[in-house]
Amino acid sequence: MSRQAGTRRGLTRRETIAYSGTVLGGSVLSGCLSGEGNGDGGSPTSTGSGAEGDPNGEATRSEGEPHTATLAPVGEVTFDAVPESVFTVFPWYADMAVALGHGDSINSLWWAEEFDAILQYFTADLEGVSVSWADLEGEYGANEERLYELDSDLHLVDPAWLSTQDGWDRDAIDRIADTVAPWFGNQYSNLHQTPPEAWAADYEYYTLWELFEQVAAVYRERARYEALASVHADLLARIERDRPAQADRPTVGYLQLPTDLSAVSVLRLNAPGYYNAHTRPLGSTDAFEDLEITGEFASVDFETLLEADPDVLLVLWGMTSSVDLEALRANLEDHSIGGHLSAVQEGRVYTQGTRFQGPLMNLFQLEMTAKQLYPEQVGEWPGYEDGDSYPDFDADEQLFDRQRVSTIVTEGSDA
């Protein structure tokens, strides 16, 4: 099924790369330049050779040595080298790239300035870890002409999701895979949503950290993934150990609220999928668990909100320019119905960052949300105001080790 890479520019840059599993246009062109210095600990922000027989058990990162990664609905993809220029739309993939020491590979990101600010807020105390997305161009979706201009080595985008966007049919998706670079993404694991019918037979659902594992395979960063996954497992174990008994946990309303309170949208707190990777593990009771929600949220009125009367309100996007959290709280207090809510009267209206989280944001958002819900057990969340930095908790107040994470990201291992 393979054919020679030369339809556009000959073999000046790309080598042949083939999909197995679900096939997009047969063979495609990889666009990976070389594997020089891109193994575990071999990114521009790390050290170490990653040679065969190293403690990470990884093969030598020699130029031209193929490696594979597998993700539904695309299937198995074989790379000739680690991608150095990567297109994506959503920030969880960019977060993954940063966590793996390859943040500089990202060349496009939708709403980049906002997501840059959110990740910088969370990771400011991670020594040596930097984020530089703010100036990236990006849109919600993809423009075929722009993809040719960027000439990326990889598109971290789910082609099934892209097929629902204007201007993208199977032929266009295959054309980009054949003449620019492969697709590699899984969108509908976000809430275990139903993928487009044409892609359903090849679809699987992944957790956030399972998805991260496959992206780590693309970047040949198994050691970094395993080390960060260990931090995540330790964090979950601590939360599970310290949280109160089920009967003593608060009821929670997970909301999307504009500053002027002109609409109230309820999100699912404990649904499967990586959108809830920072709320579901905490095991709190969703105050709206009996509310029928089709899609990502349900619109309700304040009477419905008061009837449920959650102990805690978590407000999504409170760390972005689209929501003024201080003004929102004041508006709730002044609202004829909102002012009667227990969470408002008890001062338990908290900001959330984003459901669009990768592994680094997930670690911090797990810690933040645990402190918002269980202050007596894991320490109190001190609050958030626009322009704040993430709280500088003392070591005994941290639910995970910042230095350990910094070392993994910058050096490739916490050994």
Protein backbone atom coordinates (compact mmCIF):
# COMPACT_ATOMS: atom_id res chain seq x y z
CA MET A 1 0.00 0.00 0.00
CA SER A 2 2.93 2.34 0.44
CA ARG A 3 4.10 4.68 -2.22
CA GLN A 4 7.12 6.90 -2.59
CA ALA A 5 7.04 10.25 -0.84
CA GLY A 6 7.49 12.72 -3.60
CA THR A 7 4.14 14.04 -4.78
CA ARG A 8 4.86 17.55 -3.51
CA ARG A 9 8.56 18.09 -2.96
CA GLY A 10 10.32 14.81 -3.50
CA LEU A 11 12.23 13.28 -0.61
CA THR A 12 13.86 16.48 0.58
CA ARG A 13 12.23 16.25 3.99
CA ARG A 14 9.68 13.50 4.41
CA GLU A 15 9.91 9.74 4.52
CA THR A 16 7.11 7.31 3.91
CA ILE A 17 4.90 6.57 6.92
CA ALA A 18 2.06 4.04 6.91
CA TYR A 19 -1.04 3.58 8.96
CA SER A 20 -2.23 0.16 10.00
CA GLY A 21 -5.56 -0.44 11.71
CA THR A 22 -7.91 2.26 10.39
CA VAL A 23 -6.35 3.45 7.15
CA LEU A 24 -6.51 7.09 6.10
CA GLY A 25 -5.65 7.28 2.46
CA GLY A 26 -3.28 4.33 2.54
CA SER A 27 0.26 5.61 3.16
CA VAL A 28 1.04 9.15 4.17
CA LEU A 29 4.12 11.29 4.48
CA SER A 30 5.56 11.65 7.96
CA GLY A 31 7.33 14.99 7.82
CA CYS A 32 9.56 14.14 10.78
CA LEU A 33 12.97 15.65 10.26
CA SER A 34 15.24 13.53 12.41
CA GLY A 35 15.41 11.79 15.75
CA GLU A 36 18.44 13.77 16.89
CA GLY A 37 18.28 14.33 20.65
CA ASN A 38 14.57 13.57 20.97
CA GLY A 39 14.43 10.56 23.21
CA ASP A 40 13.69 10.42 26.91
CA GLY A 41 15.69 13.27 28.33
CA GLY A 42 16.76 14.32 24.84
CA SER A 43 14.42 17.25 24.15
CA PRO A 44 15.66 20.84 24.08
CA THR A 45 14.70 21.20 27.78
CA SER A 46 16.30 18.02 29.02
CA THR A 47 19.50 16.05 29.22
CA GLY A 48 20.50 12.45 28.66
CA SER A 49 21.28 10.35 25.64
CA GLY A 50 18.40 7.90 25.63
CA ALA A 51 20.77 5.33 24.20
CA GLU A 52 20.07 1.63 23.93
CA GLY A 53 20.49 -0.04 27.30
CA ASP A 54 19.82 3.14 29.30
CA PRO A 55 17.90 2.96 32.61
CA ASN A 56 14.67 3.85 30.81
CA GLY A 57 14.87 0.71 28.72
CA GLU A 58 14.41 2.67 25.49
CA ALA A 59 16.04 2.06 22.15
CA THR A 60 18.62 4.41 20.68
CA ARG A 61 17.09 7.52 19.05
CA SER A 62 18.95 7.23 15.78
CA GLU A 63 17.82 9.04 12.68
CA GLY A 64 15.54 6.92 10.54
CA GLU A 65 14.73 4.37 13.23
CA PRO A 66 10.95 3.90 13.13
CA HIS A 67 8.66 3.84 16.12
CA THR A 68 4.92 3.39 16.42
CA ALA A 69 2.00 4.81 18.36
CA THR A 70 -1.59 3.62 18.37
CA LEU A 71 -4.80 5.55 18.93
CA ALA A 72 -8.38 4.99 17.83
CA PRO A 73 -9.88 5.88 15.42
CA VAL A 74 -6.66 6.24 13.40
CA GLY A 75 -5.02 2.97 14.44
CA GLU A 76 -1.29 2.35 14.46
CA VAL A 77 1.00 5.02 13.03
CA THR A 78 4.66 4.42 12.26
CA PHE A 79 6.98 7.44 12.55
CA ASP A 80 10.43 7.69 11.09
CA ALA A 81 11.44 10.13 13.86
CA VAL A 82 10.05 12.27 16.65
CA PRO A 83 7.86 15.10 15.28
CA GLU A 84 9.36 18.56 15.67
CA SER A 85 6.48 20.65 14.31
CA VAL A 86 3.01 19.72 15.55
CA PHE A 87 -0.40 21.20 14.78
CA THR A 88 -3.21 20.98 17.31
CA VAL A 89 -6.47 22.71 18.15
CA PHE A 90 -7.14 21.85 21.80
CA PRO A 91 -4.84 22.55 24.73
CA TRP A 92 -4.74 19.09 26.30
CA TYR A 93 -2.37 18.01 23.54
CA ALA A 94 -0.23 21.12 23.96
CA ASP A 95 -0.16 20.49 27.72
CA MET A 96 1.00 16.93 26.98
CA ALA A 97 3.78 18.25 24.74
CA VAL A 98 5.00 20.56 27.52
CA ALA A 99 4.87 17.73 30.07
CA LEU A 100 6.96 15.56 27.75
CA GLY A 101 9.61 18.24 27.21
CA HIS A 102 8.42 19.09 23.69
CA GLY A 103 6.33 22.21 24.23
CA ASP A 104 8.24 24.03 21.49
CA SER A 105 6.94 21.58 18.91
CA ILE A 106 3.40 23.06 19.01
CA ASN A 107 2.86 25.44 16.09
CA SER A 108 -0.86 26.23 16.34
CA LEU A 109 -3.48 26.34 19.11
CA TRP A 110 -7.02 27.64 19.30
CA TRP A 111 -7.64 30.37 21.94
CA ALA A 112 -3.91 30.20 22.57
CA GLU A 113 -3.54 33.33 24.70
CA GLU A 114 -6.16 32.19 27.22
CA PHE A 115 -4.86 28.64 27.48
CA ASP A 116 -1.30 29.92 27.74
CA ALA A 117 -2.36 32.08 30.70
CA ILE A 118 -4.19 29.21 32.42
CA LEU A 119 -1.29 26.77 32.17
CA GLN A 120 1.17 29.47 33.23
CA TYR A 121 -1.02 30.15 36.28
CA PHE A 122 -0.89 26.52 37.33
CA THR A 123 2.73 25.77 36.50
CA ALA A 124 4.44 29.01 37.57
CA ASP A 125 6.20 27.27 40.46
CA LEU A 126 7.54 24.40 38.35
CA GLU A 127 11.17 25.37 38.06
CA GLY A 128 12.47 25.33 34.50
CA VAL A 129 9.07 24.61 32.95
CA SER A 130 7.93 27.29 30.52
CA VAL A 131 4.90 27.80 28.29
CA SER A 132 4.95 29.97 25.17
CA TRP A 133 1.67 29.59 23.30
CA ALA A 134 0.26 33.11 23.55
CA ASP A 135 1.43 34.23 20.11
CA LEU A 136 0.37 31.10 18.25
CA GLU A 137 -2.30 31.46 15.60
CA GLY A 138 -5.14 29.01 15.78
CA GLU A 139 -8.81 28.47 15.11
CA TYR A 140 -11.57 26.15 16.24
CA GLY A 141 -11.07 23.51 13.60
CA ALA A 142 -8.57 23.61 10.79
CA ASN A 143 -8.11 25.27 7.45
CA GLU A 144 -6.70 23.01 4.76
CA GLU A 145 -4.68 25.76 3.13
CA ARG A 146 -3.21 26.72 6.50
CA LEU A 147 -2.17 23.13 7.13
CA TYR A 148 -0.21 23.15 3.90
CA GLU A 149 1.46 26.43 4.96
CA LEU A 150 2.43 25.08 8.37
CA ASP A 151 3.73 21.86 6.81
CA SER A 152 3.67 20.11 10.19
CA ASP A 153 5.20 16.76 11.07
CA LEU A 154 2.02 15.69 12.86
CA HIS A 155 -1.59 16.81 13.34
CA LEU A 156 -2.72 16.11 16.92
CA VAL A 157 -6.37 16.21 15.91
CA ASP A 158 -9.08 13.56 15.80
CA PRO A 159 -10.03 13.14 12.12
CA ALA A 160 -13.47 11.87 13.18
CA TRP A 161 -14.14 15.17 14.93
CA LEU A 162 -12.63 17.15 12.06
CA SER A 163 -15.08 15.48 9.67
CA THR A 164 -17.89 17.37 11.47
CA GLN A 165 -16.30 20.75 10.73
CA ASP A 166 -17.08 22.85 7.67
CA GLY A 167 -15.02 22.03 4.60
CA TRP A 168 -13.79 18.64 5.78
CA ASP A 169 -14.87 15.38 4.20
CA ARG A 170 -13.03 12.06 4.11
CA ASP A 171 -11.22 12.98 0.90
CA ALA A 172 -9.85 16.20 2.39
CA ILE A 173 -8.80 14.41 5.59
CA ASP A 174 -7.02 11.70 3.58
CA ARG A 175 -5.41 14.29 1.32
CA ILE A 176 -3.75 16.06 4.25
CA ALA A 177 -2.63 12.74 5.73
CA ASP A 178 -1.14 11.69 2.38
CA THR A 179 0.58 14.95 1.43
CA VAL A 180 1.44 16.67 4.73
CA ALA A 181 1.39 14.54 7.89
CA PRO A 182 -0.74 12.02 9.78
CA TRP A 183 -3.64 12.67 12.14
CA PHE A 184 -3.46 11.44 15.72
CA GLY A 185 -6.22 12.34 18.16
CA ASN A 186 -9.29 11.16 20.00
CA GLN A 187 -11.97 13.78 20.72
CA TYR A 188 -15.03 11.85 21.82
CA SER A 189 -13.42 10.37 24.89
CA ASN A 190 -14.06 13.82 26.40
CA LEU A 191 -17.52 12.77 27.68
CA HIS A 192 -17.82 9.38 25.94
CA GLN A 193 -19.82 11.06 23.22
CA THR A 194 -20.99 9.23 20.11
CA PRO A 195 -18.58 9.70 17.18
CA PRO A 196 -19.77 10.24 13.60
CA GLU A 197 -21.29 7.07 12.17
CA ALA A 198 -18.59 6.66 9.53
CA TRP A 199 -15.95 6.42 12.29
CA ALA A 200 -17.89 4.59 15.00
CA ALA A 201 -16.70 1.05 14.20
CA ASP A 202 -13.07 2.00 14.85
CA TYR A 203 -13.67 4.16 17.91
CA GLU A 204 -12.50 3.53 21.48
CA TYR A 205 -12.65 5.63 24.64
CA TYR A 206 -9.57 6.58 26.63
CA THR A 207 -8.96 8.26 29.95
CA LEU A 208 -6.88 11.42 29.95
CA TRP A 209 -3.83 9.51 31.12
CA GLU A 210 -4.31 6.70 28.60
CA LEU A 211 -4.45 9.33 25.87
CA PHE A 212 -1.31 10.91 27.31
CA GLU A 213 0.42 7.54 27.18
CA GLN A 214 -0.15 7.25 23.44
CA VAL A 215 1.01 10.82 22.78
CA ALA A 216 4.12 10.00 24.81
CA ALA A 217 4.73 7.10 22.42
CA VAL A 218 4.63 9.56 19.51
CA TYR A 219 7.32 11.68 21.18
CA ARG A 220 9.25 8.62 22.39
CA GLU A 221 8.97 9.79 25.99
CA ARG A 222 7.92 6.66 27.84
CA ALA A 223 10.01 7.44 30.93
CA ARG A 224 8.50 10.90 31.32
CA TYR A 225 5.00 9.49 30.94
CA GLU A 226 5.57 6.73 33.51
CA ALA A 227 7.11 9.14 36.01
CA LEU A 228 4.24 11.63 35.71
CA ALA A 229 1.68 8.82 35.81
CA SER A 230 3.24 7.74 39.10
CA VAL A 231 2.79 11.27 40.50
CA HIS A 232 -0.83 11.18 39.36
CA ALA A 233 -1.44 7.78 40.96
CA ASP A 234 0.09 8.98 44.24
CA LEU A 235 -2.10 12.09 44.16
CA LEU A 236 -5.27 10.06 43.59
CA ALA A 237 -4.30 7.69 46.40
CA ARG A 238 -3.79 10.59 48.80
CA ILE A 239 -7.15 12.15 47.89
CA GLU A 240 -8.91 8.83 48.32
CA ARG A 241 -7.22 8.29 51.68
CA ASP A 242 -7.96 11.74 53.09
CA ARG A 243 -11.41 12.62 51.77
CA PRO A 244 -14.33 12.29 54.19
CA ALA A 245 -16.82 9.45 54.22
CA GLN A 246 -19.37 9.60 51.41
CA ALA A 247 -22.17 10.82 53.69
CA ASP A 248 -20.03 13.77 54.79
CA ARG A 249 -19.01 14.96 51.34
CA PRO A 250 -20.60 18.14 49.96
CA THR A 251 -23.11 18.28 47.14
CA VAL A 252 -21.67 20.17 44.19
CA GLY A 253 -23.12 22.23 41.37
CA TYR A 254 -20.74 22.36 38.42
CA LEU A 255 -21.78 25.42 36.43
CA GLN A 256 -20.98 27.60 33.47
CA LEU A 257 -22.06 31.14 34.43
CA PRO A 258 -21.46 34.44 32.64
CA THR A 259 -20.53 37.36 34.85
CA ASP A 260 -23.97 38.96 34.44
CA LEU A 261 -25.76 35.68 35.32
CA SER A 262 -27.83 35.92 32.14
CA ALA A 263 -27.76 32.12 31.73
CA VAL A 264 -27.16 29.13 33.98
CA SER A 265 -25.65 26.00 32.45
CA VAL A 266 -25.19 22.81 34.46
CA LEU A 267 -22.35 20.43 33.60
CA ARG A 268 -21.97 16.84 34.69
CA LEU A 269 -19.60 16.44 37.62
CA ASN A 270 -18.94 12.70 37.62
CA ALA A 271 -19.55 11.60 34.05
CA PRO A 272 -16.93 9.44 32.32
CA GLY A 273 -14.40 11.12 30.08
CA TYR A 274 -11.35 13.32 30.37
CA TYR A 275 -13.39 16.52 30.74
CA ASN A 276 -14.11 15.34 34.29
CA ALA A 277 -10.64 14.01 35.08
CA HIS A 278 -10.29 16.57 37.90
CA THR A 279 -13.79 16.26 39.42
CA ARG A 280 -14.87 12.63 39.07
CA PRO A 281 -11.98 11.17 41.15
CA LEU A 282 -12.98 13.35 44.11
CA GLY A 283 -16.18 11.37 44.61
CA SER A 284 -18.51 14.22 45.59
CA THR A 285 -22.25 14.10 44.99
CA ASP A 286 -23.47 15.93 41.91
CA ALA A 287 -26.37 18.12 43.06
CA PHE A 288 -27.87 17.68 39.60
CA GLU A 289 -27.21 13.99 39.10
CA ASP A 290 -30.90 13.38 38.29
CA LEU A 291 -31.04 16.20 35.75
CA GLU A 292 -31.21 14.96 32.17
CA ILE A 293 -28.31 16.44 30.25
CA THR A 294 -28.01 15.78 26.54
CA GLY A 295 -24.78 17.05 25.12
CA GLU A 296 -22.26 18.84 27.28
CA PHE A 297 -24.57 20.88 29.54
CA ALA A 298 -28.19 21.70 30.36
CA SER A 299 -29.67 25.18 30.70
CA VAL A 300 -31.62 25.76 33.92
CA ASP A 301 -33.14 28.73 35.76
CA PHE A 302 -32.30 30.03 39.21
CA GLU A 303 -35.37 28.39 40.69
CA THR A 304 -33.96 25.00 39.67
CA LEU A 305 -30.59 25.98 41.09
CA LEU A 306 -32.14 26.94 44.42
CA GLU A 307 -34.22 23.78 44.55
CA ALA A 308 -31.02 21.69 44.31
CA ASP A 309 -29.17 24.17 46.57
CA PRO A 310 -25.64 22.71 46.28
CA ASP A 311 -23.20 23.05 49.16
CA VAL A 312 -20.50 24.15 46.70
CA LEU A 313 -20.63 25.88 43.33
CA LEU A 314 -17.75 25.31 40.90
CA VAL A 315 -17.73 27.92 38.13
CA LEU A 316 -16.00 26.92 34.90
CA TRP A 317 -13.83 29.43 32.99
CA GLY A 318 -13.40 31.63 36.07
CA MET A 319 -9.71 31.98 35.25
CA THR A 320 -10.28 33.39 31.77
CA SER A 321 -11.03 36.88 30.54
CA SER A 322 -14.57 35.78 29.68
CA VAL A 323 -15.57 35.66 33.37
CA ASP A 324 -14.96 38.26 36.08
CA LEU A 325 -15.17 36.04 39.13
CA GLU A 326 -15.26 38.85 41.71
CA ALA A 327 -18.11 40.58 39.88
CA LEU A 328 -19.90 37.25 39.39
CA ARG A 329 -19.80 36.55 43.13
CA ALA A 330 -21.15 40.03 43.87
CA ASN A 331 -23.94 39.55 41.35
CA LEU A 332 -24.88 36.24 42.95
CA GLU A 333 -25.06 37.85 46.38
CA ASP A 334 -27.30 40.61 45.02
CA HIS A 335 -29.51 38.27 42.98
CA SER A 336 -33.06 37.84 44.30
CA ILE A 337 -32.74 34.04 44.14
CA GLY A 338 -29.00 33.48 43.90
CA GLY A 339 -28.43 35.30 47.17
CA HIS A 340 -30.37 32.54 48.96
CA LEU A 341 -28.11 29.75 47.75
CA SER A 342 -26.22 28.02 50.55
CA ALA A 343 -22.95 28.07 48.60
CA VAL A 344 -23.25 31.85 48.13
CA GLN A 345 -24.09 32.50 51.77
CA GLU A 346 -21.27 30.24 53.00
CA GLY A 347 -18.68 31.70 50.61
CA ARG A 348 -18.22 28.42 48.75
CA VAL A 349 -18.36 29.68 45.16
CA TYR A 350 -15.07 28.65 43.57
CA THR A 351 -13.43 29.07 40.22
CA GLN A 352 -12.42 26.26 37.93
CA GLY A 353 -9.85 26.55 35.18
CA THR A 354 -10.75 24.46 32.17
CA ARG A 355 -12.02 21.01 31.31
CA PHE A 356 -9.59 21.19 28.36
CA GLN A 357 -6.76 19.87 30.51
CA GLY A 358 -3.66 17.86 29.85
CA PRO A 359 -1.62 16.08 32.54
CA LEU A 360 0.00 19.16 34.09
CA MET A 361 -3.24 21.08 34.43
CA ASN A 362 -4.90 17.91 35.69
CA LEU A 363 -2.46 17.54 38.59
CA PHE A 364 -3.01 21.10 39.74
CA GLN A 365 -6.76 21.08 39.16
CA LEU A 366 -7.11 17.88 41.16
CA GLU A 367 -5.27 19.52 44.04
CA MET A 368 -7.22 22.77 43.71
CA THR A 369 -10.63 21.10 43.53
CA ALA A 370 -9.83 18.74 46.41
CA LYS A 371 -9.04 21.76 48.59
CA GLN A 372 -12.22 23.50 47.46
CA LEU A 373 -14.38 20.50 48.37
CA TYR A 374 -12.53 19.00 51.37
CA PRO A 375 -10.74 21.86 53.17
CA GLU A 376 -10.80 20.20 56.59
CA GLN A 377 -9.14 17.06 55.27
CA VAL A 378 -6.60 18.32 52.68
CA GLY A 379 -6.22 22.02 53.45
CA GLU A 380 -8.18 25.08 52.44
CA TRP A 381 -8.20 26.69 49.01
CA PRO A 382 -7.36 30.37 49.64
CA GLY A 383 -9.49 31.67 46.79
CA TYR A 384 -8.80 33.26 43.43
CA GLU A 385 -8.89 36.78 42.08
CA ASP A 386 -8.05 37.88 38.55
CA GLY A 387 -4.30 38.16 38.13
CA ASP A 388 -3.50 35.81 41.00
CA SER A 389 -0.73 33.26 40.92
CA TYR A 390 -1.34 29.70 42.02
CA PRO A 391 -1.05 29.57 45.83
CA ASP A 392 2.44 28.92 47.16
CA PHE A 393 1.47 26.10 49.52
CA ASP A 394 3.99 24.93 52.08
CA ALA A 395 5.40 21.48 51.37
CA ASP A 396 3.09 19.84 53.90
CA GLU A 397 0.07 21.49 52.25
CA GLN A 398 0.96 20.31 48.74
CA LEU A 399 -0.88 17.21 47.57
CA PHE A 400 1.91 16.39 45.13
CA ASP A 401 5.61 17.22 44.92
CA ARG A 402 6.30 20.22 42.67
CA GLN A 403 10.03 19.55 42.49
CA ARG A 404 9.43 15.99 41.41
CA VAL A 405 7.23 17.17 38.54
CA SER A 406 9.72 19.87 37.54
CA THR A 407 12.52 17.32 37.41
CA ILE A 408 10.49 14.92 35.28
CA VAL A 409 9.56 17.59 32.75
CA THR A 410 13.02 19.16 32.49
CA GLU A 411 15.24 16.12 32.92
CA GLY A 412 13.11 13.23 31.71
CA SER A 413 12.89 11.23 34.94
CA ASP A 414 12.46 11.67 38.68
CA ALA A 415 15.04 8.98 39.48
